Amino acid sequence: QVQLVESGGGLVPAGGSLRLSCAASELTFTDYAMGWFRQAPGREPEFVAGINWSGSNTYYADSVKGRFTISRDNAKSTVYLQMNSLKPEDTAVFYCAADWTFGNGATTTAADYDYWGQGTQVTVSS
């Protein structure tokens, strides 16, 4: 069955960087837009970043613009999230998700995504 496996989370001081990876298997990766979401304790899941099937279009939440970069390597069926200048408020479980789509964009709506990873914890200390 389809699997999305995140890695790269951890504990980092404020101002630090982390790179999350999400490896997909058992799907045709280029049929899917990919997204990253996060959920902090007691809060609703929040869209972080999205990328279309080819990597030519990217989308970001205002809270991470200029600090986070989403990218994908279709040959490796992997999507990445480079996170720089991390803040304590970035602390959350980060999830990657796959959206099967004919379009050339990436949705920001969690309900539109078909598959989800198990999540990876990111903790930013102050």
PDB file of N, CA and C in Angstrom:
ATOM      1  N   GLN A   1       0.840  -1.186   0.000  1.00  0.00           N
ATOM      2  CA  GLN A   1       0.000   0.000   0.000  1.00  0.00           C
ATOM      3  C   GLN A   1       0.883   1.246   0.000  1.00  0.00           C
ATOM      4  N   VAL A   2       0.246   2.385  -0.282  1.00  0.00           N
ATOM      5  CA  VAL A   2       0.966   3.650  -0.333  1.00  0.00           C
ATOM      6  C   VAL A   2       1.540   3.974   1.041  1.00  0.00           C
ATOM      7  N   GLN A   3       2.788   4.405   1.035  1.00  0.00           N
ATOM      8  CA  GLN A   3       3.421   4.846   2.274  1.00  0.00           C
ATOM      9  C   GLN A   3       4.124   6.174   2.052  1.00  0.00           C
ATOM     10  N   LEU A   4       3.974   7.048   3.010  1.00  0.00           N
ATOM     11  CA  LEU A   4       4.736   8.282   3.077  1.00  0.00           C
ATOM     12  C   LEU A   4       5.479   8.255   4.409  1.00  0.00           C
ATOM     13  N   VAL A   5       6.791   8.352   4.350  1.00  0.00           N
ATOM     14  CA  VAL A   5       7.596   8.232   5.561  1.00  0.00           C
ATOM     15  C   VAL A   5       8.433   9.490   5.731  1.00  0.00           C
ATOM     16  N   GLU A   6       8.115  10.239   6.785  1.00  0.00           N
ATOM     17  CA  GLU A   6       8.858  11.470   7.082  1.00  0.00           C
ATOM     18  C   GLU A   6      10.080  11.166   7.933  1.00  0.00           C
ATOM     19  N   SER A   7      11.075  12.009   7.800  1.00  0.00           N
ATOM     20  CA  SER A   7      12.257  11.936   8.638  1.00  0.00           C
ATOM     21  C   SER A   7      12.869  13.320   8.733  1.00  0.00           C
ATOM     22  N   GLY A   8      13.785  13.486   9.683  1.00  0.00           N
ATOM     23  CA  GLY A   8      14.525  14.735   9.787  1.00  0.00           C
ATOM     24  C   GLY A   8      14.100  15.655  10.910  1.00  0.00           C
ATOM     25  N   GLY A   9      13.054  15.274  11.635  1.00  0.00           N
ATOM     26  CA  GLY A   9      12.645  16.107  12.757  1.00  0.00           C
ATOM     27  C   GLY A   9      13.641  16.026  13.905  1.00  0.00           C
ATOM     28  N   GLY A  10      13.425  16.870  14.899  1.00  0.00           N
ATOM     29  CA  GLY A  10      14.306  16.861  16.059  1.00  0.00           C
ATOM     30  C   GLY A  10      14.156  18.110  16.881  1.00  0.00           C
ATOM     31  N   LEU A  11      15.120  18.275  17.793  1.00  0.00           N
ATOM     32  CA  LEU A  11      15.167  19.431  18.682  1.00  0.00           C
ATOM     33  C   LEU A  11      16.242  20.377  18.188  1.00  0.00           C
ATOM     34  N   VAL A  12      15.873  21.644  18.034  1.00  0.00           N
ATOM     35  CA  VAL A  12      16.814  22.629  17.507  1.00  0.00           C
ATOM     36  C   VAL A  12      16.604  23.940  18.251  1.00  0.00           C
ATOM     37  N   PRO A  13      17.653  24.725  18.494  1.00  0.00           N
ATOM     38  CA  PRO A  13      17.453  26.020  19.142  1.00  0.00           C
ATOM     39  C   PRO A  13      16.841  27.024  18.176  1.00  0.00           C
ATOM     40  N   ALA A  14      16.221  28.028  18.736  1.00  0.00           N
ATOM     41  CA  ALA A  14      15.652  29.093  17.918  1.00  0.00           C
ATOM     42  C   ALA A  14      16.738  29.675  17.010  1.00  0.00           C
ATOM     43  N   GLY A  15      16.368  29.933  15.759  1.00  0.00           N
ATOM     44  CA  GLY A  15      17.310  30.420  14.768  1.00  0.00           C
ATOM     45  C   GLY A  15      18.004  29.323  13.984  1.00  0.00           C
ATOM     46  N   GLY A  16      17.810  28.093  14.412  1.00  0.00           N
ATOM     47  CA  GLY A  16      18.446  26.976  13.743  1.00  0.00           C
ATOM     48  C   GLY A  16      17.688  26.498  12.521  1.00  0.00           C
ATOM     49  N   SER A  17      18.184  25.418  11.941  1.00  0.00           N
ATOM     50  CA  SER A  17      17.621  24.877  10.703  1.00  0.00           C
ATOM     51  C   SER A  17      17.411  23.373  10.823  1.00  0.00           C
ATOM     52  N   LEU A  18      16.443  22.897  10.081  1.00  0.00           N
ATOM     53  CA  LEU A  18      16.208  21.467   9.923  1.00  0.00           C
ATOM     54  C   LEU A  18      15.750  21.225   8.491  1.00  0.00           C
ATOM     55  N   ARG A  19      16.013  20.024   8.002  1.00  0.00           N
ATOM     56  CA  ARG A  19      15.517  19.620   6.692  1.00  0.00           C
ATOM     57  C   ARG A  19      14.703  18.348   6.863  1.00  0.00           C
ATOM     58  N   LEU A  20      13.432  18.446   6.584  1.00  0.00           N
ATOM     59  CA  LEU A  20      12.554  17.288   6.625  1.00  0.00           C
ATOM     60  C   LEU A  20      12.520  16.618   5.263  1.00  0.00           C
ATOM     61  N   SER A  21      12.420  15.304   5.281  1.00  0.00           N
ATOM     62  CA  SER A  21      12.264  14.520   4.053  1.00  0.00           C
ATOM     63  C   SER A  21      11.014  13.665   4.170  1.00  0.00           C
ATOM     64  N   CYS A  22      10.420  13.378   3.036  1.00  0.00           N
ATOM     65  CA  CYS A  22       9.252  12.493   2.997  1.00  0.00           C
ATOM     66  C   CYS A  22       9.410  11.598   1.777  1.00  0.00           C
ATOM     67  N   ALA A  23       9.638  10.328   2.027  1.00  0.00           N
ATOM     68  CA  ALA A  23       9.822   9.360   0.949  1.00  0.00           C
ATOM     69  C   ALA A  23       8.509   8.637   0.680  1.00  0.00           C
ATOM     70  N   ALA A  24       8.104   8.631  -0.573  1.00  0.00           N
ATOM     71  CA  ALA A  24       6.847   7.993  -0.967  1.00  0.00           C
ATOM     72  C   ALA A  24       7.124   6.667  -1.654  1.00  0.00           C
ATOM     73  N   SER A  25       6.235   5.729  -1.434  1.00  0.00           N
ATOM     74  CA  SER A  25       6.354   4.440  -2.109  1.00  0.00           C
ATOM     75  C   SER A  25       4.973   3.934  -2.506  1.00  0.00           C
ATOM     76  N   GLU A  26       4.956   3.060  -3.504  1.00  0.00           N
ATOM     77  CA  GLU A  26       3.727   2.429  -4.012  1.00  0.00           C
ATOM     78  C   GLU A  26       2.753   3.440  -4.599  1.00  0.00           C
ATOM     79  N   LEU A  27       3.274   4.493  -5.187  1.00  0.00           N
ATOM     80  CA  LEU A  27       2.432   5.401  -5.953  1.00  0.00           C
ATOM     81  C   LEU A  27       3.280   5.998  -7.069  1.00  0.00           C
ATOM     82  N   THR A  28       2.582   6.493  -8.108  1.00  0.00           N
ATOM     83  CA  THR A  28       3.267   7.180  -9.199  1.00  0.00           C
ATOM     84  C   THR A  28       3.467   8.618  -8.750  1.00  0.00           C
ATOM     85  N   PHE A  29       4.659   8.926  -8.306  1.00  0.00           N
ATOM     86  CA  PHE A  29       4.918  10.169  -7.576  1.00  0.00           C
ATOM     87  C   PHE A  29       4.530  11.391  -8.392  1.00  0.00           C
ATOM     88  N   THR A  30       4.754  11.367  -9.684  1.00  0.00           N
ATOM     89  CA  THR A  30       4.470  12.540 -10.511  1.00  0.00           C
ATOM     90  C   THR A  30       2.972  12.739 -10.769  1.00  0.00           C
ATOM     91  N   ASP A  31       2.139  11.830 -10.290  1.00  0.00           N
ATOM     92  CA  ASP A  31       0.689  12.026 -10.353  1.00  0.00           C
ATOM     93  C   ASP A  31       0.173  12.844  -9.176  1.00  0.00           C
ATOM     94  N   TYR A  32       1.072  13.192  -8.266  1.00  0.00           N
ATOM     95  CA  TYR A  32       0.652  13.795  -7.004  1.00  0.00           C
ATOM     96  C   TYR A  32       1.305  15.142  -6.751  1.00  0.00           C
ATOM     97  N   ALA A  33       0.475  16.101  -6.346  1.00  0.00           N
ATOM     98  CA  ALA A  33       0.994  17.275  -5.662  1.00  0.00           C
ATOM     99  C   ALA A  33       1.308  16.859  -4.229  1.00  0.00           C
ATOM    100  N   MET A  34       2.260  17.525  -3.626  1.00  0.00           N
ATOM    101  CA  MET A  34       2.669  17.172  -2.265  1.00  0.00           C
ATOM    102  C   MET A  34       2.553  18.386  -1.353  1.00  0.00           C
ATOM    103  N   GLY A  35       2.246  18.108  -0.108  1.00  0.00           N
ATOM    104  CA  GLY A  35       2.127  19.198   0.856  1.00  0.00           C
ATOM    105  C   GLY A  35       2.746  18.830   2.192  1.00  0.00           C
ATOM    106  N   TRP A  36       3.087  19.860   2.931  1.00  0.00           N
ATOM    107  CA  TRP A  36       3.504  19.712   4.322  1.00  0.00           C
ATOM    108  C   TRP A  36       2.494  20.454   5.196  1.00  0.00           C
ATOM    109  N   PHE A  37       2.085  19.798   6.255  1.00  0.00           N
ATOM    110  CA  PHE A  37       1.193  20.377   7.247  1.00  0.00           C
ATOM    111  C   PHE A  37       1.842  20.209   8.613  1.00  0.00           C
ATOM    112  N   ARG A  38       1.350  20.965   9.578  1.00  0.00           N
ATOM    113  CA  ARG A  38       1.844  20.788  10.940  1.00  0.00           C
ATOM    114  C   ARG A  38       0.689  20.930  11.912  1.00  0.00           C
ATOM    115  N   GLN A  39       0.858  20.296  13.060  1.00  0.00           N
ATOM    116  CA  GLN A  39      -0.151  20.380  14.099  1.00  0.00           C
ATOM    117  C   GLN A  39       0.533  20.508  15.445  1.00  0.00           C
ATOM    118  N   ALA A  40       0.270  21.622  16.096  1.00  0.00           N
ATOM    119  CA  ALA A  40       0.768  21.859  17.452  1.00  0.00           C
ATOM    120  C   ALA A  40      -0.267  21.360  18.450  1.00  0.00           C
ATOM    121  N   PRO A  41       0.151  21.045  19.664  1.00  0.00           N
ATOM    122  CA  PRO A  41      -0.798  20.543  20.670  1.00  0.00           C
ATOM    123  C   PRO A  41      -1.962  21.500  20.876  1.00  0.00           C
ATOM    124  N   GLY A  42      -3.171  20.950  20.829  1.00  0.00           N
ATOM    125  CA  GLY A  42      -4.354  21.752  21.068  1.00  0.00           C
ATOM    126  C   GLY A  42      -4.778  22.627  19.910  1.00  0.00           C
ATOM    127  N   ARG A  43      -4.133  22.465  18.757  1.00  0.00           N
ATOM    128  CA  ARG A  43      -4.450  23.310  17.611  1.00  0.00           C
ATOM    129  C   ARG A  43      -4.846  22.459  16.414  1.00  0.00           C
ATOM    130  N   GLU A  44      -5.538  23.081  15.477  1.00  0.00           N
ATOM    131  CA  GLU A  44      -5.932  22.401  14.251  1.00  0.00           C
ATOM    132  C   GLU A  44      -4.716  22.227  13.334  1.00  0.00           C
ATOM    133  N   PRO A  45      -4.747  21.211  12.459  1.00  0.00           N
ATOM    134  CA  PRO A  45      -3.664  21.091  11.469  1.00  0.00           C
ATOM    135  C   PRO A  45      -3.576  22.347  10.615  1.00  0.00           C
ATOM    136  N   GLU A  46      -2.371  22.720  10.279  1.00  0.00           N
ATOM    137  CA  GLU A  46      -2.120  23.958   9.549  1.00  0.00           C
ATOM    138  C   GLU A  46      -1.300  23.669   8.302  1.00  0.00           C
ATOM    139  N   PHE A  47      -1.745  24.212   7.178  1.00  0.00           N
ATOM    140  CA  PHE A  47      -0.966  24.100   5.948  1.00  0.00           C
ATOM    141  C   PHE A  47       0.339  24.865   6.117  1.00  0.00           C
ATOM    142  N   VAL A  48       1.428  24.258   5.662  1.00  0.00           N
ATOM    143  CA  VAL A  48       2.736  24.892   5.726  1.00  0.00           C
ATOM    144  C   VAL A  48       3.246  25.232   4.327  1.00  0.00           C
ATOM    145  N   ALA A  49       3.289  24.224   3.452  1.00  0.00           N
ATOM    146  CA  ALA A  49       3.832  24.425   2.116  1.00  0.00           C
ATOM    147  C   ALA A  49       3.294  23.359   1.176  1.00  0.00           C
ATOM    148  N   GLY A  50       3.222  23.700  -0.109  1.00  0.00           N
ATOM    149  CA  GLY A  50       2.777  22.750  -1.118  1.00  0.00           C
ATOM    150  C   GLY A  50       3.587  22.901  -2.383  1.00  0.00           C
ATOM    151  N   ILE A  51       3.615  21.848  -3.185  1.00  0.00           N
ATOM    152  CA  ILE A  51       4.383  21.858  -4.429  1.00  0.00           C
ATOM    153  C   ILE A  51       3.649  21.028  -5.462  1.00  0.00           C
ATOM    154  N   ASN A  52       3.618  21.515  -6.687  1.00  0.00           N
ATOM    155  CA  ASN A  52       2.907  20.769  -7.717  1.00  0.00           C
ATOM    156  C   ASN A  52       3.744  19.586  -8.202  1.00  0.00           C
ATOM    157  N   TRP A  53       3.194  18.821  -9.122  1.00  0.00           N
ATOM    158  CA  TRP A  53       3.803  17.546  -9.488  1.00  0.00           C
ATOM    159  C   TRP A  53       5.214  17.700 -10.050  1.00  0.00           C
ATOM    160  N   SER A  54       5.460  18.797 -10.751  1.00  0.00           N
ATOM    161  CA  SER A  54       6.767  18.954 -11.395  1.00  0.00           C
ATOM    162  C   SER A  54       7.753  19.733 -10.538  1.00  0.00           C
ATOM    163  N   GLY A  55       7.248  20.411  -9.525  1.00  0.00           N
ATOM    164  CA  GLY A  55       8.120  21.266  -8.721  1.00  0.00           C
ATOM    165  C   GLY A  55       8.178  22.691  -9.214  1.00  0.00           C
ATOM    166  N   SER A  56       7.434  23.011 -10.265  1.00  0.00           N
ATOM    167  CA  SER A  56       7.509  24.355 -10.848  1.00  0.00           C
ATOM    168  C   SER A  56       6.686  25.376 -10.068  1.00  0.00           C
ATOM    169  N   ASN A  57       5.724  24.918  -9.294  1.00  0.00           N
ATOM    170  CA  ASN A  57       4.872  25.823  -8.505  1.00  0.00           C
ATOM    171  C   ASN A  57       4.932  25.446  -7.037  1.00  0.00           C
ATOM    172  N   THR A  58       5.194  26.433  -6.206  1.00  0.00           N
ATOM    173  CA  THR A  58       5.243  26.208  -4.762  1.00  0.00           C
ATOM    174  C   THR A  58       4.354  27.220  -4.049  1.00  0.00           C
ATOM    175  N   TYR A  59       3.885  26.835  -2.880  1.00  0.00           N
ATOM    176  CA  TYR A  59       2.940  27.631  -2.105  1.00  0.00           C
ATOM    177  C   TYR A  59       3.344  27.551  -0.638  1.00  0.00           C
ATOM    178  N   TYR A  60       3.168  28.681   0.067  1.00  0.00           N
ATOM    179  CA  TYR A  60       3.587  28.737   1.457  1.00  0.00           C
ATOM    180  C   TYR A  60       2.558  29.459   2.309  1.00  0.00           C
ATOM    181  N   ALA A  61       2.459  29.021   3.560  1.00  0.00           N
ATOM    182  CA  ALA A  61       1.719  29.802   4.538  1.00  0.00           C
ATOM    183  C   ALA A  61       2.477  31.088   4.809  1.00  0.00           C
ATOM    184  N   ASP A  62       1.752  32.149   5.096  1.00  0.00           N
ATOM    185  CA  ASP A  62       2.402  33.434   5.356  1.00  0.00           C
ATOM    186  C   ASP A  62       3.393  33.324   6.514  1.00  0.00           C
ATOM    187  N   SER A  63       3.094  32.476   7.467  1.00  0.00           N
ATOM    188  CA  SER A  63       3.932  32.379   8.663  1.00  0.00           C
ATOM    189  C   SER A  63       5.310  31.785   8.377  1.00  0.00           C
ATOM    190  N   VAL A  64       5.478  31.140   7.230  1.00  0.00           N
ATOM    191  CA  VAL A  64       6.767  30.506   6.931  1.00  0.00           C
ATOM    192  C   VAL A  64       7.437  31.055   5.688  1.00  0.00           C
ATOM    193  N   LYS A  65       6.772  31.947   4.976  1.00  0.00           N
ATOM    194  CA  LYS A  65       7.365  32.513   3.758  1.00  0.00           C
ATOM    195  C   LYS A  65       8.696  33.167   4.059  1.00  0.00           C
ATOM    196  N   GLY A  66       9.669  32.878   3.210  1.00  0.00           N
ATOM    197  CA  GLY A  66      10.994  33.443   3.386  1.00  0.00           C
ATOM    198  C   GLY A  66      11.884  32.649   4.319  1.00  0.00           C
ATOM    199  N   ARG A  67      11.293  31.700   5.050  1.00  0.00           N
ATOM    200  CA  ARG A  67      12.074  30.874   5.978  1.00  0.00           C
ATOM    201  C   ARG A  67      12.110  29.409   5.563  1.00  0.00           C
ATOM    202  N   PHE A  68      11.004  28.918   5.007  1.00  0.00           N
ATOM    203  CA  PHE A  68      10.898  27.517   4.614  1.00  0.00           C
ATOM    204  C   PHE A  68      10.921  27.399   3.093  1.00  0.00           C
ATOM    205  N   THR A  69      11.471  26.290   2.601  1.00  0.00           N
ATOM    206  CA  THR A  69      11.482  26.004   1.174  1.00  0.00           C
ATOM    207  C   THR A  69      11.080  24.559   0.937  1.00  0.00           C
ATOM    208  N   ILE A  70      10.071  24.375   0.104  1.00  0.00           N
ATOM    209  CA  ILE A  70       9.647  23.030  -0.270  1.00  0.00           C
ATOM    210  C   ILE A  70      10.254  22.686  -1.628  1.00  0.00           C
ATOM    211  N   SER A  71      10.658  21.447  -1.781  1.00  0.00           N
ATOM    212  CA  SER A  71      11.200  20.984  -3.053  1.00  0.00           C
ATOM    213  C   SER A  71      10.910  19.497  -3.192  1.00  0.00           C
ATOM    214  N   ARG A  72      11.112  18.978  -4.371  1.00  0.00           N
ATOM    215  CA  ARG A  72      10.882  17.547  -4.584  1.00  0.00           C
ATOM    216  C   ARG A  72      11.897  17.003  -5.572  1.00  0.00           C
ATOM    217  N   ASP A  73      12.189  15.729  -5.422  1.00  0.00           N
ATOM    218  CA  ASP A  73      13.051  15.002  -6.336  1.00  0.00           C
ATOM    219  C   ASP A  73      12.220  13.846  -6.862  1.00  0.00           C
ATOM    220  N   ASN A  74      11.683  13.987  -8.060  1.00  0.00           N
ATOM    221  CA  ASN A  74      10.781  12.964  -8.587  1.00  0.00           C
ATOM    222  C   ASN A  74      11.505  11.648  -8.872  1.00  0.00           C
ATOM    223  N   ALA A  75      12.784  11.709  -9.150  1.00  0.00           N
ATOM    224  CA  ALA A  75      13.543  10.479  -9.373  1.00  0.00           C
ATOM    225  C   ALA A  75      13.655   9.657  -8.095  1.00  0.00           C
ATOM    226  N   LYS A  76      13.592  10.329  -6.959  1.00  0.00           N
ATOM    227  CA  LYS A  76      13.698   9.641  -5.669  1.00  0.00           C
ATOM    228  C   LYS A  76      12.348   9.528  -4.965  1.00  0.00           C
ATOM    229  N   SER A  77      11.292  10.036  -5.603  1.00  0.00           N
ATOM    230  CA  SER A  77       9.951  10.014  -4.986  1.00  0.00           C
ATOM    231  C   SER A  77       9.991  10.606  -3.580  1.00  0.00           C
ATOM    232  N   THR A  78      10.642  11.739  -3.473  1.00  0.00           N
ATOM    233  CA  THR A  78      10.858  12.348  -2.163  1.00  0.00           C
ATOM    234  C   THR A  78      10.556  13.849  -2.238  1.00  0.00           C
ATOM    235  N   VAL A  79       9.902  14.337  -1.200  1.00  0.00           N
ATOM    236  CA  VAL A  79       9.665  15.763  -1.049  1.00  0.00           C
ATOM    237  C   VAL A  79      10.402  16.234   0.202  1.00  0.00           C
ATOM    238  N   TYR A  80      10.889  17.464   0.150  1.00  0.00           N
ATOM    239  CA  TYR A  80      11.696  18.018   1.231  1.00  0.00           C
ATOM    240  C   TYR A  80      11.077  19.304   1.747  1.00  0.00           C
ATOM    241  N   LEU A  81      11.401  19.620   2.978  1.00  0.00           N
ATOM    242  CA  LEU A  81      11.058  20.913   3.553  1.00  0.00           C
ATOM    243  C   LEU A  81      12.280  21.427   4.289  1.00  0.00           C
ATOM    244  N   GLN A  82      12.930  22.420   3.702  1.00  0.00           N
ATOM    245  CA  GLN A  82      14.065  23.068   4.343  1.00  0.00           C
ATOM    246  C   GLN A  82      13.530  24.178   5.226  1.00  0.00           C
ATOM    247  N   MET A  83      13.845  24.109   6.498  1.00  0.00           N
ATOM    248  CA  MET A  83      13.330  25.078   7.466  1.00  0.00           C
ATOM    249  C   MET A  83      14.494  25.836   8.085  1.00  0.00           C
ATOM    250  N   ASN A  84      14.528  27.131   7.847  1.00  0.00           N
ATOM    251  CA  ASN A  84      15.574  27.994   8.384  1.00  0.00           C
ATOM    252  C   ASN A  84      14.963  29.003   9.357  1.00  0.00           C
ATOM    253  N   SER A  85      15.809  29.625  10.136  1.00  0.00           N
ATOM    254  CA  SER A  85      15.369  30.659  11.084  1.00  0.00           C
ATOM    255  C   SER A  85      14.178  30.170  11.905  1.00  0.00           C
ATOM    256  N   LEU A  86      14.313  28.997  12.440  1.00  0.00           N
ATOM    257  CA  LEU A  86      13.197  28.398  13.175  1.00  0.00           C
ATOM    258  C   LEU A  86      12.880  29.181  14.445  1.00  0.00           C
ATOM    259  N   LYS A  87      11.599  29.206  14.768  1.00  0.00           N
ATOM    260  CA  LYS A  87      11.094  29.917  15.933  1.00  0.00           C
ATOM    261  C   LYS A  87      10.399  28.927  16.870  1.00  0.00           C
ATOM    262  N   PRO A  88      10.311  29.245  18.146  1.00  0.00           N
ATOM    263  CA  PRO A  88       9.597  28.343  19.065  1.00  0.00           C
ATOM    264  C   PRO A  88       8.164  28.046  18.611  1.00  0.00           C
ATOM    265  N   GLU A  89       7.527  29.007  17.969  1.00  0.00           N
ATOM    266  CA  GLU A  89       6.155  28.779  17.512  1.00  0.00           C
ATOM    267  C   GLU A  89       6.061  27.824  16.322  1.00  0.00           C
ATOM    268  N   ASP A  90       7.191  27.419  15.779  1.00  0.00           N
ATOM    269  CA  ASP A  90       7.189  26.395  14.730  1.00  0.00           C
ATOM    270  C   ASP A  90       7.090  24.986  15.318  1.00  0.00           C
ATOM    271  N   THR A  91       7.200  24.870  16.631  1.00  0.00           N
ATOM    272  CA  THR A  91       7.131  23.564  17.277  1.00  0.00           C
ATOM    273  C   THR A  91       5.811  22.882  16.972  1.00  0.00           C
ATOM    274  N   ALA A  92       5.885  21.669  16.429  1.00  0.00           N
ATOM    275  CA  ALA A  92       4.692  20.933  16.013  1.00  0.00           C
ATOM    276  C   ALA A  92       5.109  19.565  15.495  1.00  0.00           C
ATOM    277  N   VAL A  93       4.126  18.723  15.273  1.00  0.00           N
ATOM    278  CA  VAL A  93       4.334  17.513  14.478  1.00  0.00           C
ATOM    279  C   VAL A  93       4.098  17.891  13.027  1.00  0.00           C
ATOM    280  N   PHE A  94       5.052  17.588  12.188  1.00  0.00           N
ATOM    281  CA  PHE A  94       4.983  17.912  10.765  1.00  0.00           C
ATOM    282  C   PHE A  94       4.619  16.657   9.979  1.00  0.00           C
ATOM    283  N   TYR A  95       3.650  16.808   9.085  1.00  0.00           N
ATOM    284  CA  TYR A  95       3.169  15.703   8.261  1.00  0.00           C
ATOM    285  C   TYR A  95       3.337  16.041   6.779  1.00  0.00           C
ATOM    286  N   CYS A  96       3.736  15.066   5.995  1.00  0.00           N
ATOM    287  CA  CYS A  96       3.648  15.254   4.551  1.00  0.00           C
ATOM    288  C   CYS A  96       2.392  14.547   4.038  1.00  0.00           C
ATOM    289  N   ALA A  97       1.908  15.015   2.909  1.00  0.00           N
ATOM    290  CA  ALA A  97       0.670  14.490   2.355  1.00  0.00           C
ATOM    291  C   ALA A  97       0.739  14.530   0.832  1.00  0.00           C
ATOM    292  N   ALA A  98      -0.006  13.618   0.200  1.00  0.00           N
ATOM    293  CA  ALA A  98      -0.020  13.497  -1.257  1.00  0.00           C
ATOM    294  C   ALA A  98      -1.445  13.680  -1.775  1.00  0.00           C
ATOM    295  N   ASP A  99      -1.575  14.491  -2.807  1.00  0.00           N
ATOM    296  CA  ASP A  99      -2.870  14.795  -3.414  1.00  0.00           C
ATOM    297  C   ASP A  99      -2.841  14.386  -4.881  1.00  0.00           C
ATOM    298  N   TRP A 100      -3.620  13.361  -5.229  1.00  0.00           N
ATOM    299  CA  TRP A 100      -3.708  12.940  -6.635  1.00  0.00           C
ATOM    300  C   TRP A 100      -4.483  13.999  -7.403  1.00  0.00           C
ATOM    301  N   THR A 101      -3.873  14.565  -8.439  1.00  0.00           N
ATOM    302  CA  THR A 101      -4.515  15.681  -9.121  1.00  0.00           C
ATOM    303  C   THR A 101      -4.083  15.749 -10.579  1.00  0.00           C
ATOM    304  N   PHE A 102      -5.012  16.189 -11.437  1.00  0.00           N
ATOM    305  CA  PHE A 102      -4.682  16.465 -12.831  1.00  0.00           C
ATOM    306  C   PHE A 102      -4.102  17.867 -12.993  1.00  0.00           C
ATOM    307  N   GLY A 103      -4.292  18.697 -11.973  1.00  0.00           N
ATOM    308  CA  GLY A 103      -3.935  20.098 -12.119  1.00  0.00           C
ATOM    309  C   GLY A 103      -2.456  20.356 -11.989  1.00  0.00           C
ATOM    310  N   ASN A 104      -2.107  21.626 -12.108  1.00  0.00           N
ATOM    311  CA  ASN A 104      -0.706  22.037 -12.040  1.00  0.00           C
ATOM    312  C   ASN A 104      -0.432  22.868 -10.804  1.00  0.00           C
ATOM    313  N   GLY A 105      -1.296  22.686  -9.785  1.00  0.00           N
ATOM    314  CA  GLY A 105      -1.089  23.422  -8.554  1.00  0.00           C
ATOM    315  C   GLY A 105      -0.981  22.479  -7.382  1.00  0.00           C
ATOM    316  N   ALA A 106      -1.160  23.023  -6.186  1.00  0.00           N
ATOM    317  CA  ALA A 106      -1.183  22.232  -4.964  1.00  0.00           C
ATOM    318  C   ALA A 106      -2.158  22.900  -3.998  1.00  0.00           C
ATOM    319  N   THR A 107      -3.085  22.119  -3.514  1.00  0.00           N
ATOM    320  CA  THR A 107      -4.101  22.667  -2.631  1.00  0.00           C
ATOM    321  C   THR A 107      -3.549  22.918  -1.226  1.00  0.00           C
ATOM    322  N   THR A 108      -4.140  23.904  -0.545  1.00  0.00           N
ATOM    323  CA  THR A 108      -3.775  24.189   0.836  1.00  0.00           C
ATOM    324  C   THR A 108      -4.737  23.531   1.825  1.00  0.00           C
ATOM    325  N   THR A 109      -5.720  22.801   1.311  1.00  0.00           N
ATOM    326  CA  THR A 109      -6.777  22.210   2.138  1.00  0.00           C
ATOM    327  C   THR A 109      -6.442  20.770   2.504  1.00  0.00           C
ATOM    328  N   ALA A 110      -6.342  20.498   3.794  1.00  0.00           N
ATOM    329  CA  ALA A 110      -5.943  19.169   4.253  1.00  0.00           C
ATOM    330  C   ALA A 110      -6.891  18.077   3.749  1.00  0.00           C
ATOM    331  N   ALA A 111      -8.166  18.373   3.696  1.00  0.00           N
ATOM    332  CA  ALA A 111      -9.148  17.356   3.305  1.00  0.00           C
ATOM    333  C   ALA A 111      -8.980  16.900   1.858  1.00  0.00           C
ATOM    334  N   ASP A 112      -8.283  17.684   1.053  1.00  0.00           N
ATOM    335  CA  ASP A 112      -8.087  17.321  -0.354  1.00  0.00           C
ATOM    336  C   ASP A 112      -6.982  16.280  -0.540  1.00  0.00           C
ATOM    337  N   TYR A 113      -6.164  16.079   0.455  1.00  0.00           N
ATOM    338  CA  TYR A 113      -5.030  15.168   0.326  1.00  0.00           C
ATOM    339  C   TYR A 113      -5.462  13.732   0.583  1.00  0.00           C
ATOM    340  N   ASP A 114      -4.907  12.832  -0.224  1.00  0.00           N
ATOM    341  CA  ASP A 114      -5.337  11.431  -0.210  1.00  0.00           C
ATOM    342  C   ASP A 114      -4.540  10.556   0.753  1.00  0.00           C
ATOM    343  N   TYR A 115      -3.269  10.847   0.911  1.00  0.00           N
ATOM    344  CA  TYR A 115      -2.398  10.011   1.738  1.00  0.00           C
ATOM    345  C   TYR A 115      -1.582  10.905   2.660  1.00  0.00           C
ATOM    346  N   TRP A 116      -1.308  10.366   3.844  1.00  0.00           N
ATOM    347  CA  TRP A 116      -0.577  11.106   4.864  1.00  0.00           C
ATOM    348  C   TRP A 116       0.506  10.231   5.473  1.00  0.00           C
ATOM    349  N   GLY A 117       1.599  10.890   5.861  1.00  0.00           N
ATOM    350  CA  GLY A 117       2.622  10.205   6.616  1.00  0.00           C
ATOM    351  C   GLY A 117       2.266  10.140   8.088  1.00  0.00           C
ATOM    352  N   GLN A 118       3.166   9.549   8.841  1.00  0.00           N
ATOM    353  CA  GLN A 118       2.913   9.353  10.274  1.00  0.00           C
ATOM    354  C   GLN A 118       3.322  10.561  11.105  1.00  0.00           C
ATOM    355  N   GLY A 119       4.071  11.457  10.511  1.00  0.00           N
ATOM    356  CA  GLY A 119       4.479  12.677  11.200  1.00  0.00           C
ATOM    357  C   GLY A 119       5.858  12.578  11.811  1.00  0.00           C
ATOM    358  N   THR A 120       6.500  13.737  11.933  1.00  0.00           N
ATOM    359  CA  THR A 120       7.795  13.825  12.593  1.00  0.00           C
ATOM    360  C   THR A 120       7.776  15.063  13.492  1.00  0.00           C
ATOM    361  N   GLN A 121       8.277  14.923  14.692  1.00  0.00           N
ATOM    362  CA  GLN A 121       8.232  16.003  15.679  1.00  0.00           C
ATOM    363  C   GLN A 121       9.362  17.000  15.432  1.00  0.00           C
ATOM    364  N   VAL A 122       8.980  18.257  15.425  1.00  0.00           N
ATOM    365  CA  VAL A 122       9.949  19.359  15.374  1.00  0.00           C
ATOM    366  C   VAL A 122       9.750  20.194  16.632  1.00  0.00           C
ATOM    367  N   THR A 123      10.810  20.346  17.395  1.00  0.00           N
ATOM    368  CA  THR A 123      10.753  21.137  18.618  1.00  0.00           C
ATOM    369  C   THR A 123      11.830  22.204  18.549  1.00  0.00           C
ATOM    370  N   VAL A 124      11.408  23.452  18.700  1.00  0.00           N
ATOM    371  CA  VAL A 124      12.336  24.581  18.652  1.00  0.00           C
ATOM    372  C   VAL A 124      12.388  25.191  20.042  1.00  0.00           C
ATOM    373  N   SER A 125      13.554  25.183  20.627  1.00  0.00           N
ATOM    374  CA  SER A 125      13.716  25.713  21.979  1.00  0.00           C
ATOM    375  C   SER A 125      14.045  27.197  21.934  1.00  0.00           C
ATOM    376  N   SER A 126      13.578  27.900  22.944  1.00  0.00           N
ATOM    377  CA  SER A 126      13.816  29.353  22.989  1.00  0.00           C
ATOM    378  C   SER A 126      15.103  29.677  23.729  1.00  0.00           C
TER     379      SER A 126
END
